[in-house]
Protein backbone atom coordinates (compact mmCIF):
# COMPACT_ATOMS: atom_id res chain seq x y z
CA UNK A 1 0.01 -0.03 0.00
CA UNK A 2 1.34 3.42 -0.93
CA UNK A 3 0.70 6.25 1.53
CA UNK A 4 0.63 9.90 0.49
CA UNK A 5 0.48 12.76 2.82
CA UNK A 6 1.10 15.69 0.28
CA UNK A 7 -1.70 16.43 -2.07
CA UNK A 8 0.93 18.14 -4.47
CA UNK A 9 2.79 14.89 -4.68
CA UNK A 10 0.12 12.35 -5.83
CA UNK A 11 0.61 10.17 -8.80
CA UNK A 12 -1.81 9.60 -11.65
CA UNK A 13 -4.09 6.92 -10.25
CA UNK A 14 -5.23 4.36 -12.85
CA UNK A 15 -9.06 4.03 -13.06
CA UNK A 16 -9.29 4.97 -9.32
CA UNK A 17 -11.94 3.35 -7.26
CA UNK A 18 -12.27 5.70 -4.33
CA UNK A 19 -13.80 5.62 -0.83
CA UNK A 20 -13.56 8.35 1.73
CA UNK A 21 -13.93 8.39 5.43
CA UNK A 22 -12.19 8.44 8.93
CA UNK A 23 -12.07 4.49 9.09
CA UNK A 24 -11.45 4.81 12.76
CA UNK A 25 -10.62 1.28 14.10
CA UNK A 26 -10.62 -0.25 10.52
CA UNK A 27 -13.26 -2.59 11.94
CA UNK A 28 -15.16 -5.39 10.28
CA UNK A 29 -17.64 -3.04 8.74
CA UNK A 30 -14.88 -0.99 7.24
CA UNK A 31 -13.17 -4.13 6.04
CA UNK A 32 -16.14 -5.03 3.92
CA UNK A 33 -16.00 -1.58 2.12
CA UNK A 34 -12.30 -2.13 1.46
CA UNK A 35 -12.87 -5.57 0.05
CA UNK A 36 -15.64 -3.95 -2.17
CA UNK A 37 -13.30 -1.27 -3.61
CA UNK A 38 -10.65 -3.82 -4.20
CA UNK A 39 -13.18 -5.97 -6.19
CA UNK A 40 -14.44 -2.92 -8.19
CA UNK A 41 -10.80 -1.88 -8.92
CA UNK A 42 -10.02 -5.46 -10.16
CA UNK A 43 -13.09 -5.36 -12.47
CA UNK A 44 -12.07 -2.16 -14.13
CA UNK A 45 -8.36 -2.98 -14.20
CA UNK A 46 -7.90 0.00 -11.81
CA UNK A 47 -6.62 0.89 -8.39
CA UNK A 48 -8.30 1.13 -5.01
CA UNK A 49 -7.89 4.47 -3.24
CA UNK A 50 -8.90 5.27 0.40
CA UNK A 51 -9.05 8.92 1.27
CA UNK A 52 -8.85 9.88 5.01
CA UNK A 53 -8.15 12.92 6.87
CA UNK A 54 -5.38 14.03 9.62
CA UNK A 55 -5.94 15.48 11.96
CA UNK A 56 -9.54 14.36 12.46
CA UNK A 57 -11.88 17.01 11.14
CA UNK A 58 -13.61 17.41 14.43
CA UNK A 59 -10.38 18.71 15.98
CA UNK A 60 -10.03 21.36 13.36
CA UNK A 61 -13.70 22.40 13.01
CA UNK A 62 -14.34 22.27 16.76
CA UNK A 63 -11.00 22.83 18.51
CA UNK A 64 -12.60 23.31 21.95
CA UNK A 65 -14.26 19.95 21.81
CA UNK A 66 -12.05 17.60 23.80
CA UNK A 67 -14.41 14.60 23.70
CA UNK A 68 -13.02 12.84 20.72
CA UNK A 69 -11.62 9.43 21.39
CA UNK A 70 -10.06 7.41 18.62
CA UNK A 71 -9.85 3.67 18.33
CA UNK A 72 -6.90 3.98 16.16
CA UNK A 73 -4.54 6.93 15.82
CA UNK A 74 -3.11 7.68 12.36
CA UNK A 75 0.00 5.29 12.33
CA UNK A 76 -2.01 2.47 13.89
CA UNK A 77 -4.61 2.97 11.23
CA UNK A 78 -2.01 2.91 8.47
CA UNK A 79 -0.50 -0.43 9.79
CA UNK A 80 -4.05 -2.03 9.83
CA UNK A 81 -4.97 -0.79 6.32
CA UNK A 82 -1.74 -2.42 4.92
CA UNK A 83 -3.38 -5.81 5.82
CA UNK A 84 -6.34 -5.11 3.58
CA UNK A 85 -4.52 -4.69 0.32
CA UNK A 86 -5.75 -1.22 -0.60
CA UNK A 87 -3.44 0.04 -3.26
CA UNK A 88 -3.32 3.78 -2.09
CA UNK A 89 -4.04 5.61 1.02
CA UNK A 90 -4.24 9.43 0.65
CA UNK A 91 -4.00 11.12 4.09
CA UNK A 92 -5.34 14.60 3.50
CA UNK A 93 -3.82 17.32 5.86
CA UNK A 94 -7.10 18.63 7.15
CA UNK A 95 -6.98 22.37 7.72
CA UNK A 96 -9.44 25.18 8.41
CA UNK A 97 -9.00 26.37 4.84
CA UNK A 98 -9.76 22.86 3.51
CA UNK A 99 -12.85 22.61 5.64
CA UNK A 100 -14.07 25.93 4.20
CA UNK A 101 -14.16 24.85 0.62
CA UNK A 102 -17.51 25.01 -1.05
CA UNK A 103 -18.96 21.71 -2.22
CA UNK A 104 -17.97 22.73 -5.83
CA UNK A 105 -14.49 23.55 -4.76
CA UNK A 106 -14.22 20.26 -2.87
CA UNK A 107 -15.32 18.21 -5.88
CA UNK A 108 -13.42 20.10 -8.63
CA UNK A 109 -10.35 21.32 -6.97
CA UNK A 110 -9.59 18.39 -4.67
CA UNK A 111 -11.53 15.23 -5.62
CA UNK A 112 -11.37 15.52 -9.51
CA UNK A 113 -8.09 17.47 -9.80
CA UNK A 114 -6.04 15.61 -7.32
CA UNK A 115 -7.57 12.06 -7.36
CA UNK A 116 -9.22 11.67 -10.79
CA UNK A 117 -11.73 9.18 -9.66
CA UNK A 118 -13.31 6.57 -11.90
CA UNK A 119 -15.79 5.39 -9.23
CA UNK A 120 -16.67 6.79 -5.86
CA UNK A 121 -18.15 4.47 -3.22
CA UNK A 122 -19.63 6.62 -0.38
CA UNK A 123 -22.37 6.15 2.29
CA UNK A 124 -25.93 7.72 1.87
CA UNK A 125 -25.15 10.18 4.65
CA UNK A 126 -21.79 11.44 3.38
CA UNK A 127 -21.27 15.16 3.76
CA UNK A 128 -18.52 17.38 2.42
CA UNK A 129 -17.64 20.99 1.92
CA UNK A 130 -18.11 24.25 4.06
CA UNK A 131 -20.49 23.41 7.03
CA UNK A 132 -21.02 19.87 5.42
CA UNK A 133 -23.49 21.22 2.86
CA UNK A 134 -22.39 18.80 0.19
CA UNK A 135 -24.10 15.42 0.03
CA UNK A 136 -24.23 12.25 -2.20
CA UNK A 137 -26.88 13.74 -4.44
CA UNK A 138 -24.79 16.85 -5.03
CA UNK A 139 -21.89 14.57 -5.95
CA UNK A 140 -24.06 12.62 -8.43
CA UNK A 141 -25.05 15.80 -10.23
CA UNK A 142 -21.61 16.14 -11.75
CA UNK A 143 -21.14 12.47 -12.78
CA UNK A 144 -21.41 13.06 -16.59
CA UNK A 145 -19.62 16.46 -16.64
CA UNK A 146 -16.64 15.30 -14.46
CA UNK A 147 -16.35 11.78 -15.69
CA UNK A 148 -16.97 9.61 -12.54
CA UNK A 149 -19.66 7.33 -11.21
CA UNK A 150 -20.96 7.26 -7.76
CA UNK A 151 -21.98 3.94 -5.97
CA UNK A 152 -23.93 4.43 -2.72
CA UNK A 153 -23.18 2.34 0.33
CA UNK A 154 -26.60 1.51 1.59
CA UNK A 155 -28.06 2.90 4.65
CA UNK A 156 -28.18 -0.38 6.59
CA UNK A 157 -24.51 -1.00 5.98
CA UNK A 158 -23.55 2.53 6.96
CA UNK A 159 -25.75 2.37 10.07
CA UNK A 160 -24.13 -1.01 10.97
CA UNK A 161 -20.64 0.67 10.78
CA UNK A 162 -21.71 3.44 13.01
CA UNK A 163 -23.16 1.24 15.52
CA UNK A 164 -20.23 -0.99 15.44
CA UNK A 165 -17.90 1.88 16.12
CA UNK A 166 -19.99 2.99 19.14
CA UNK A 167 -20.07 -0.57 20.45
CA UNK A 168 -16.27 -0.90 20.10
CA UNK A 169 -15.61 2.38 21.91
CA UNK A 170 -18.08 1.32 24.77
CA UNK A 171 -16.53 -2.17 25.10
CA UNK A 172 -13.02 -0.73 25.22
CA UNK A 173 -14.02 1.84 27.86
CA UNK A 174 -15.66 -0.94 29.91
CA UNK A 175 -12.47 -3.14 29.58
CA UNK A 176 -14.45 -5.63 27.57
CA UNK A 177 -11.63 -6.52 25.31
CA UNK A 178 -12.85 -9.74 23.81
CA UNK A 179 -16.12 -8.05 22.63
CA UNK A 180 -14.13 -5.17 21.11
CA UNK A 181 -11.82 -7.66 19.47
CA UNK A 182 -14.82 -9.52 17.87
CA UNK A 183 -16.19 -6.44 16.38
CA UNK A 184 -12.88 -5.10 15.19
CA UNK A 185 -11.95 -8.39 13.59
CA UNK A 186 -8.41 -7.80 14.93
CA UNK A 187 -6.74 -7.04 18.28
CA UNK A 188 -7.19 -3.55 19.91
CA UNK A 189 -3.81 -2.02 20.28
CA UNK A 190 -2.22 1.00 21.88
CA UNK A 191 1.05 2.59 20.58
CA UNK A 192 3.34 5.00 22.39
CA UNK A 193 6.60 5.94 23.70
CA UNK A 194 8.24 4.51 26.86
CA UNK A 195 8.81 7.26 29.44
CA UNK A 196 10.42 7.41 32.82
CA UNK A 197 8.28 6.60 35.81
CA UNK A 198 8.99 6.32 39.54
CA UNK A 199 10.58 2.80 39.09
CA UNK A 200 8.73 1.58 42.04
CA UNK A 201 7.68 -1.54 40.19
CA UNK A 202 11.35 -2.68 39.95
CA UNK A 203 11.62 -2.34 43.73
CA UNK A 204 8.97 -5.16 44.19
CA UNK A 205 10.12 -7.41 41.35
CA UNK A 206 7.77 -6.15 38.68
CA UNK A 207 9.52 -3.67 36.59
CA UNK A 208 7.29 -1.88 34.21
CA UNK A 209 7.57 0.29 31.06
CA UNK A 210 5.42 3.34 31.34
CA UNK A 211 3.78 3.88 27.98
CA UNK A 212 2.71 7.41 26.89
CA UNK A 213 -0.06 7.01 24.18
CA UNK A 214 0.74 8.47 20.80
CA UNK A 215 -2.16 10.86 21.12
CA UNK A 216 -4.23 12.34 23.94
CA UNK A 217 -7.30 11.47 21.93
CA UNK A 218 -6.57 7.67 21.97
CA UNK A 219 -9.19 5.80 23.76
CA UNK A 220 -7.79 4.12 26.82
CA UNK A 221 -9.52 0.78 28.21
CA UNK A 222 -10.91 0.66 31.76
CA UNK A 223 -8.59 0.65 34.73
CA UNK A 224 -7.38 -2.70 35.78
CA UNK A 225 -4.91 -5.46 34.87
CA UNK A 226 -4.73 -7.06 31.36
CA UNK A 227 -3.15 -9.96 29.63
CA UNK A 228 -1.25 -8.40 26.73
CA UNK A 229 1.47 -8.78 24.10
CA UNK A 230 4.01 -6.14 23.41
CA UNK A 231 5.36 -5.64 19.83
CA UNK A 232 8.82 -4.12 20.11
CA UNK A 233 10.85 -3.98 16.96
CA UNK A 234 10.59 -7.63 15.58
CA UNK A 235 9.66 -9.19 18.72
CA UNK A 236 6.22 -10.13 20.21
CA UNK A 237 6.54 -10.41 24.07
CA UNK A 238 4.16 -11.83 26.68
CA UNK A 239 3.13 -9.10 29.17
CA UNK A 240 0.93 -8.05 31.93
CA UNK A 241 -0.42 -4.54 31.75
CA UNK A 242 -1.81 -2.22 34.34
CA UNK A 243 -4.11 0.94 33.66
CA UNK A 244 -4.82 3.17 36.57
CA UNK A 245 -3.71 5.68 39.11
CA UNK A 246 0.16 5.79 39.73
CA UNK A 247 1.36 4.80 43.24
CA UNK A 248 1.38 8.51 44.24
CA UNK A 249 -2.18 8.69 43.07
CA UNK A 250 -1.44 11.78 41.01
CA UNK A 251 -2.00 10.62 37.32
CA UNK A 252 -3.35 7.68 35.35
CA UNK A 253 -0.67 5.57 33.87
CA UNK A 254 -0.37 2.72 31.26
CA UNK A 255 2.35 0.33 32.66
CA UNK A 256 3.38 -2.94 31.12
CA UNK A 257 5.45 -5.68 32.89
CA UNK A 258 7.17 -7.51 30.07
CA UNK A 259 8.06 -11.09 30.90
CA UNK A 260 11.55 -12.44 30.80
CA UNK A 261 12.76 -9.03 29.47
CA UNK A 262 15.56 -6.80 30.66
CA UNK A 263 16.40 -4.29 28.18
CA UNK A 264 16.53 -0.39 28.47
CA UNK A 265 13.78 0.78 26.23
CA UNK A 266 13.29 4.29 27.46
CA UNK A 267 12.11 6.60 24.69
CA UNK A 268 11.55 3.61 22.43
CA UNK A 269 8.24 3.06 20.64
CA UNK A 270 6.26 -0.05 21.19
CA UNK A 271 2.64 -1.25 20.55
CA UNK A 272 0.62 -3.17 23.14
CA UNK A 273 -1.86 -5.72 22.02
CA UNK A 274 -4.61 -6.22 24.57
CA UNK A 275 -5.75 -9.86 24.90
CA UNK A 276 -8.08 -9.76 27.91
CA UNK A 277 -8.91 -7.98 31.29
CA UNK A 278 -8.15 -10.04 34.25
CA UNK A 279 -9.37 -7.79 36.98
CA UNK A 280 -10.46 -4.29 37.85
CA UNK A 281 -8.31 -1.78 39.79
CA UNK A 282 -7.78 -2.44 43.58
CA UNK A 283 -6.39 -0.43 46.48
CA UNK A 284 -3.66 -1.83 48.65
CA UNK A 285 -2.64 -1.30 52.20
CA UNK A 286 1.07 -1.52 51.39
CA UNK A 287 3.69 -2.72 49.07
CA UNK A 288 3.68 -6.26 50.35
CA UNK A 289 0.05 -6.67 49.66
CA UNK A 290 0.61 -5.22 46.19
CA UNK A 291 3.47 -7.53 45.57
CA UNK A 292 1.37 -10.60 46.62
CA UNK A 293 -1.43 -9.54 44.26
CA UNK A 294 0.80 -9.01 41.43
CA UNK A 295 2.18 -12.59 41.81
CA UNK A 296 -1.41 -13.86 41.55
CA UNK A 297 -2.08 -11.62 38.59
CA UNK A 298 0.97 -12.78 36.78
CA UNK A 299 -0.15 -16.46 37.14
CA UNK A 300 -3.54 -15.74 35.67
CA UNK A 301 -2.06 -13.74 32.78
CA UNK A 302 0.54 -16.46 32.06
CA UNK A 303 -2.17 -18.96 31.82
CA UNK A 304 -4.23 -16.88 29.51
CA UNK A 305 -1.24 -16.20 27.14
CA UNK A 306 -0.03 -19.72 27.24
């Protein structure tokens, strides 16, 4: 899959079969659309093209709204999309100026001038242009003049995608990882950089890597302990992960205890793959009680990962 982030450096796509959207999570509903554009592209000896936006349009149009929570940040999304054999991903730099284009400008100056679509597959409720005033009927008006065909993704399918996204977010926020995984059709992951913590885990025999999520808008699962796998460079490592308040109770942390691992990975990037939540967060009277519980947790996690 080719990835483009500069609209002035796009190639001439061949018989481009295009779909447009945020594709947050790249879940099972999204995957069906991707299979469809790949089939359509094969039928017309063309290429499949997915257009998405970064940053998320809501962050640009409503910068004071801090409620957005993403199942996948951009790099996670790109890594997932590679699995589904889309030929090209166009990551549009979404700006205030881009959002203020009229529907005509969006179609002519962006969609046709930059992408040259042969077919456009979009949902019945697709909106574009300034104040989202453009819609699928407006796009269809220019089919003959501008030389593309619009294929509508049916209401039921679009609604299922929206419902699935909502269910996935709720499942993750509740720590229901297995339910989220089933809807995603792949594991939920969290990527980030390893930062320095208080190193208190090392003092009780459970050293942890503190992971700072790649974006403050990344959705974080419910507090508690999880069986997990850490993807670090070319290794996949069995791990136990904790989400909750740090020992000084000042801030929420994502801490992963990687089994049989003793490397310095500060400032390194890693990806945590969530397998299952084994318990909720607990409060402890002291370090010895915490240490005993962590030993029990490790037994449970080890069994789950075996």
